[in-house]
Amino acid sequence: MPGDWAEWKRAMHAVKRVVGPDKYAVLLPLNEFEQLLTFGLQGEQPLLKDQDTRGNFASPSFIAALEFYKSLFDEGLAPVASSTQISNVWTEFERGWFSFYFSGPWTIGDFKDRLSPGVQWMTAGVPGPTGPGASAPGGSSLVVYSSSRHQEAAWKLVRYLSEPRIQAVFNGVTGNLPARESAWAAPTVANDPYIAAFKGQLSRAKAVPKAPEWERIVTEMQIVAERMVRGEFAPAAAAAEIDRRVDRLLEKRRWMIEQGRAE
């Protein structure tokens, strides 16, 4: 897999030359925020600033991410389409309508189950601007409430699910990646070629801002990004528009922090 954005783009152009004008190198559905968010995580500047009370999308690193993202559409490497305009991702991948599918480990099971046995595919890490890139960790947390009347049983379940052997079993059953590093040594995990790329990816994971408004923020980010791809904004103007929308969403958060300072 190419190691940085420049190499990846050269590879995508090589794919495009082979597949022709009616097919594409990569699928980046315009109604999904995960791909652009991953590009945006590559920079040193955080996505929010001032104690996560204001947007920082107009930072040079995020503008660079917007420029790279937009160029994939401008150069005909990605289709200007949302996932709702695609009949079936697996069918379109199999027939070569696109060659790179930007997703996560949860998709491995679908690739195994839905593609024809003869279709060759493999997973790879995310390229960054100058080398292997970062990505946002996903998943869920297990919580035991302090008010629970069954804490002993609940903690017993948490300990059981956290055992490396059980984590490896769940990986085989559900495809979820083990949360404990020691579980990656289990033969069923260590010998799975489709999982290998994600081990390195997890070592480069970056947490997204811990703001309750985050889901609404990335939704607004993607709305503006789609308008940018369709020609309404240049990257710098799109970044400023995202910041304007995010600052409005975080207005209450700023007020609450200022009230705390006043006390």
Protein backbone atom coordinates (compact mmCIF):
# COMPACT_ATOMS: atom_id res chain seq x y z
CA MET A 1 0.00 0.00 0.00
CA PRO A 2 1.30 3.51 -0.76
CA GLY A 3 2.88 5.15 2.25
CA ASP A 4 1.68 8.74 1.88
CA TRP A 5 -0.90 10.89 0.08
CA ALA A 6 1.31 11.57 -2.94
CA GLU A 7 2.06 7.88 -3.51
CA TRP A 8 -1.59 6.97 -2.95
CA LYS A 9 -2.75 9.52 -5.51
CA ARG A 10 -0.26 8.21 -8.06
CA ALA A 11 -1.60 4.70 -7.43
CA MET A 12 -5.18 5.91 -7.84
CA HIS A 13 -4.33 7.61 -11.14
CA ALA A 14 -2.71 4.36 -12.29
CA VAL A 15 -5.93 2.50 -11.40
CA LYS A 16 -8.00 5.11 -13.22
CA ARG A 17 -5.93 4.70 -16.38
CA VAL A 18 -6.67 0.97 -16.32
CA VAL A 19 -10.39 1.04 -15.45
CA GLY A 20 -11.30 3.91 -17.76
CA PRO A 21 -13.62 6.93 -17.56
CA ASP A 22 -16.72 5.11 -16.28
CA LYS A 23 -15.07 3.62 -13.19
CA TYR A 24 -13.20 5.06 -10.23
CA ALA A 25 -10.21 4.46 -8.00
CA VAL A 26 -11.83 5.10 -4.59
CA LEU A 27 -15.28 5.38 -3.05
CA LEU A 28 -15.80 8.31 -0.65
CA PRO A 29 -19.58 8.63 -0.12
CA LEU A 30 -20.46 12.29 0.27
CA ASN A 31 -22.95 11.63 3.06
CA GLU A 32 -20.34 9.95 5.29
CA PHE A 33 -18.00 12.00 7.48
CA GLU A 34 -15.53 9.27 8.49
CA GLN A 35 -13.26 9.58 5.45
CA LEU A 36 -12.78 13.34 5.67
CA LEU A 37 -12.42 13.11 9.46
CA THR A 38 -9.60 10.62 8.99
CA PHE A 39 -7.84 12.98 6.56
CA GLY A 40 -8.32 15.81 9.06
CA LEU A 41 -6.77 13.83 11.92
CA GLN A 42 -3.42 13.70 10.12
CA GLY A 43 -2.40 17.22 11.12
CA GLU A 44 -0.80 18.45 14.32
CA GLN A 45 -3.48 21.06 14.98
CA PRO A 46 -6.53 19.88 16.99
CA LEU A 47 -9.98 20.05 15.39
CA LEU A 48 -11.35 22.14 18.27
CA LYS A 49 -9.60 24.83 20.32
CA ASP A 50 -10.08 27.00 23.42
CA GLN A 51 -11.01 24.07 25.68
CA ASP A 52 -13.06 22.52 22.86
CA THR A 53 -15.35 25.55 22.74
CA ARG A 54 -14.52 26.73 19.20
CA GLY A 55 -13.82 25.12 15.86
CA ASN A 56 -10.27 24.90 14.58
CA PHE A 57 -11.10 23.64 11.10
CA ALA A 58 -9.49 26.68 9.48
CA SER A 59 -6.09 25.46 10.67
CA PRO A 60 -3.50 24.86 7.92
CA SER A 61 -3.52 21.08 8.46
CA PHE A 62 -7.30 20.74 8.08
CA ILE A 63 -7.36 23.00 5.03
CA ALA A 64 -4.69 20.70 3.55
CA ALA A 65 -6.99 17.76 4.29
CA LEU A 66 -9.88 19.51 2.55
CA GLU A 67 -7.67 20.24 -0.46
CA PHE A 68 -6.59 16.61 -0.74
CA TYR A 69 -10.17 15.37 -0.26
CA LYS A 70 -11.54 17.75 -2.91
CA SER A 71 -8.79 16.86 -5.38
CA LEU A 72 -9.89 13.21 -5.42
CA PHE A 73 -13.24 14.30 -6.85
CA ASP A 74 -11.86 17.07 -9.06
CA GLU A 75 -9.43 14.64 -10.70
CA GLY A 76 -12.10 12.01 -11.33
CA LEU A 77 -10.66 9.50 -8.87
CA ALA A 78 -13.83 9.36 -6.71
CA PRO A 79 -17.45 9.56 -7.85
CA VAL A 80 -19.53 12.54 -6.72
CA ALA A 81 -22.18 10.37 -5.08
CA SER A 82 -23.64 9.49 -1.70
CA SER A 83 -24.00 5.93 -0.41
CA THR A 84 -27.76 6.12 -1.09
CA GLN A 85 -27.00 6.51 -4.79
CA ILE A 86 -25.09 3.23 -4.86
CA SER A 87 -27.22 0.12 -5.27
CA ASN A 88 -24.91 -2.27 -3.44
CA VAL A 89 -21.36 -1.53 -2.28
CA TRP A 90 -20.24 -5.17 -2.53
CA THR A 91 -21.61 -5.67 -6.04
CA GLU A 92 -20.04 -2.43 -7.26
CA PHE A 93 -16.70 -3.30 -5.68
CA GLU A 94 -16.75 -6.77 -7.20
CA ARG A 95 -17.45 -5.47 -10.70
CA GLY A 96 -14.67 -2.90 -10.34
CA TRP A 97 -16.68 0.31 -10.25
CA PHE A 98 -14.16 1.37 -7.57
CA SER A 99 -10.96 -0.27 -6.29
CA PHE A 100 -10.24 1.34 -2.89
CA TYR A 101 -12.98 1.17 -0.26
CA PHE A 102 -12.34 3.50 2.67
CA SER A 103 -13.85 1.81 5.72
CA GLY A 104 -12.88 0.01 8.94
CA PRO A 105 -12.40 -3.46 10.44
CA TRP A 106 -16.14 -3.93 10.87
CA THR A 107 -16.30 -4.37 7.08
CA ILE A 108 -14.04 -7.44 6.99
CA GLY A 109 -16.93 -9.82 7.71
CA ASP A 110 -19.02 -8.30 4.94
CA PHE A 111 -16.19 -8.67 2.44
CA LYS A 112 -15.76 -12.31 3.40
CA ASP A 113 -19.48 -13.09 3.24
CA ARG A 114 -20.69 -10.99 0.32
CA LEU A 115 -17.94 -11.17 -2.29
CA SER A 116 -17.63 -14.12 -4.64
CA PRO A 117 -14.94 -16.64 -3.59
CA GLY A 118 -12.65 -15.76 -6.50
CA VAL A 119 -12.49 -12.02 -5.80
CA GLN A 120 -9.09 -10.94 -4.50
CA TRP A 121 -8.96 -8.19 -1.88
CA MET A 122 -6.82 -7.11 1.05
CA THR A 123 -6.81 -4.55 3.85
CA ALA A 124 -4.22 -1.80 4.30
CA GLY A 125 -3.46 1.07 6.63
CA VAL A 126 -4.36 4.69 6.01
CA PRO A 127 -1.74 6.79 4.19
CA GLY A 128 -0.97 10.18 5.73
CA PRO A 129 0.48 13.37 4.23
CA THR A 130 4.09 12.24 4.70
CA GLY A 131 3.83 8.62 5.88
CA PRO A 132 1.50 6.10 7.55
CA GLY A 133 -1.55 8.01 8.76
CA ALA A 134 -3.64 8.16 11.91
CA SER A 135 -7.29 7.29 12.33
CA ALA A 136 -9.98 7.63 14.97
CA PRO A 137 -10.49 4.64 17.27
CA GLY A 138 -14.02 3.31 17.37
CA GLY A 139 -15.95 1.01 19.65
CA SER A 140 -17.93 1.11 22.85
CA SER A 141 -17.20 1.08 26.57
CA LEU A 142 -18.42 -1.26 29.28
CA VAL A 143 -19.83 0.60 32.29
CA VAL A 144 -20.82 -0.55 35.77
CA TYR A 145 -23.02 1.98 37.53
CA SER A 146 -22.07 2.85 41.09
CA SER A 147 -25.74 2.56 42.04
CA SER A 148 -26.09 -0.96 40.61
CA ARG A 149 -27.36 -3.63 42.99
CA HIS A 150 -25.49 -6.29 41.01
CA GLN A 151 -21.99 -4.88 40.91
CA GLU A 152 -20.27 -8.16 41.74
CA ALA A 153 -21.97 -9.97 38.86
CA ALA A 154 -21.42 -7.02 36.52
CA TRP A 155 -17.69 -6.83 37.25
CA LYS A 156 -17.46 -10.59 36.80
CA LEU A 157 -18.91 -10.20 33.31
CA VAL A 158 -16.52 -7.31 32.50
CA ARG A 159 -13.53 -9.36 33.65
CA TYR A 160 -14.70 -12.33 31.57
CA LEU A 161 -15.17 -10.25 28.42
CA SER A 162 -11.76 -8.65 28.96
CA GLU A 163 -9.85 -11.94 29.08
CA PRO A 164 -7.49 -12.24 26.07
CA ARG A 165 -8.84 -15.69 25.20
CA ILE A 166 -12.45 -14.44 25.16
CA GLN A 167 -11.48 -11.35 23.18
CA ALA A 168 -9.97 -13.62 20.54
CA VAL A 169 -13.15 -15.71 20.47
CA PHE A 170 -15.29 -12.62 19.98
CA ASN A 171 -13.04 -11.50 17.15
CA GLY A 172 -13.74 -14.77 15.37
CA VAL A 173 -17.49 -14.57 16.01
CA THR A 174 -18.19 -10.87 15.40
CA GLY A 175 -15.08 -9.48 13.68
CA ASN A 176 -14.56 -6.90 16.44
CA LEU A 177 -10.89 -6.17 17.05
CA PRO A 178 -9.50 -7.18 20.47
CA ALA A 179 -9.26 -4.26 22.85
CA ARG A 180 -6.35 -5.81 24.77
CA GLU A 181 -2.96 -5.93 23.09
CA SER A 182 -2.19 -9.36 24.59
CA ALA A 183 -5.18 -10.84 22.74
CA TRP A 184 -3.51 -10.06 19.40
CA ALA A 185 -1.04 -12.88 20.10
CA ALA A 186 -3.81 -15.49 19.88
CA PRO A 187 -3.26 -17.64 16.74
CA THR A 188 -6.72 -16.90 15.31
CA VAL A 189 -5.96 -13.17 15.48
CA ALA A 190 -2.24 -13.18 14.69
CA ASN A 191 -2.69 -15.40 11.63
CA ASP A 192 -5.56 -13.47 10.07
CA PRO A 193 -4.03 -11.46 7.19
CA TYR A 194 -7.03 -9.12 6.98
CA ILE A 195 -6.52 -7.95 10.57
CA ALA A 196 -2.78 -7.28 10.41
CA ALA A 197 -3.07 -3.76 8.97
CA PHE A 198 -5.31 -2.65 11.81
CA LYS A 199 -2.75 -3.49 14.49
CA GLY A 200 -0.46 -0.79 13.14
CA GLN A 201 -3.41 1.52 12.64
CA LEU A 202 -4.44 1.22 16.28
CA SER A 203 -0.93 2.20 17.35
CA ARG A 204 -1.44 5.49 15.46
CA ALA A 205 -5.00 6.14 16.62
CA LYS A 206 -5.99 9.67 17.62
CA ALA A 207 -8.92 10.44 19.88
CA VAL A 208 -11.54 12.86 18.61
CA PRO A 209 -12.52 15.84 20.83
CA LYS A 210 -14.49 14.86 23.91
CA ALA A 211 -17.42 17.20 23.38
CA PRO A 212 -21.07 16.10 23.64
CA GLU A 213 -21.80 18.03 20.45
CA TRP A 214 -19.26 16.05 18.44
CA GLU A 215 -21.75 14.03 16.36
CA ARG A 216 -23.52 17.22 15.32
CA ILE A 217 -20.15 18.86 14.56
CA VAL A 218 -19.01 16.16 12.13
CA THR A 219 -22.44 16.18 10.49
CA GLU A 220 -22.08 19.90 9.77
CA MET A 221 -18.50 19.29 8.62
CA GLN A 222 -19.68 16.77 6.04
CA ILE A 223 -22.56 18.95 4.83
CA VAL A 224 -20.12 21.76 4.08
CA ALA A 225 -17.60 19.33 2.56
CA GLU A 226 -20.20 18.01 0.13
CA ARG A 227 -21.05 21.56 -0.93
CA MET A 228 -17.32 22.16 -1.42
CA VAL A 229 -16.97 19.07 -3.62
CA ARG A 230 -19.95 20.25 -5.69
CA GLY A 231 -18.23 23.59 -6.30
CA GLU A 232 -19.87 25.94 -3.80
CA PHE A 233 -16.77 26.52 -1.64
CA ALA A 234 -13.01 26.58 -2.06
CA PRO A 235 -11.22 24.62 0.71
CA ALA A 236 -10.28 27.68 2.79
CA ALA A 237 -13.81 29.08 2.54
CA ALA A 238 -15.25 25.67 3.45
CA ALA A 239 -13.02 25.54 6.54
CA ALA A 240 -14.22 29.00 7.63
CA GLU A 241 -17.84 27.93 7.10
CA ILE A 242 -17.34 24.79 9.20
CA ASP A 243 -15.84 26.91 11.99
CA ARG A 244 -18.80 29.30 11.82
CA ARG A 245 -21.29 26.45 12.20
CA VAL A 246 -19.27 24.72 14.92
CA ASP A 247 -18.91 27.91 16.96
CA ARG A 248 -22.68 28.23 16.90
CA LEU A 249 -23.10 24.65 18.12
CA LEU A 250 -20.61 25.23 20.94
CA GLU A 251 -22.12 28.50 22.13
CA LYS A 252 -23.70 26.89 25.22
CA ARG A 253 -20.44 25.11 26.04
CA ARG A 254 -18.59 28.44 26.04
CA TRP A 255 -21.27 29.97 28.27
CA MET A 256 -21.06 27.10 30.76
CA ILE A 257 -17.28 27.36 31.00
CA GLU A 258 -17.48 31.12 31.49
CA GLN A 259 -20.09 30.66 34.21
CA GLY A 260 -17.74 28.26 35.96
CA ARG A 261 -14.95 30.82 35.81
CA ALA A 262 -17.24 33.52 37.21
CA GLU A 263 -18.03 31.36 40.22
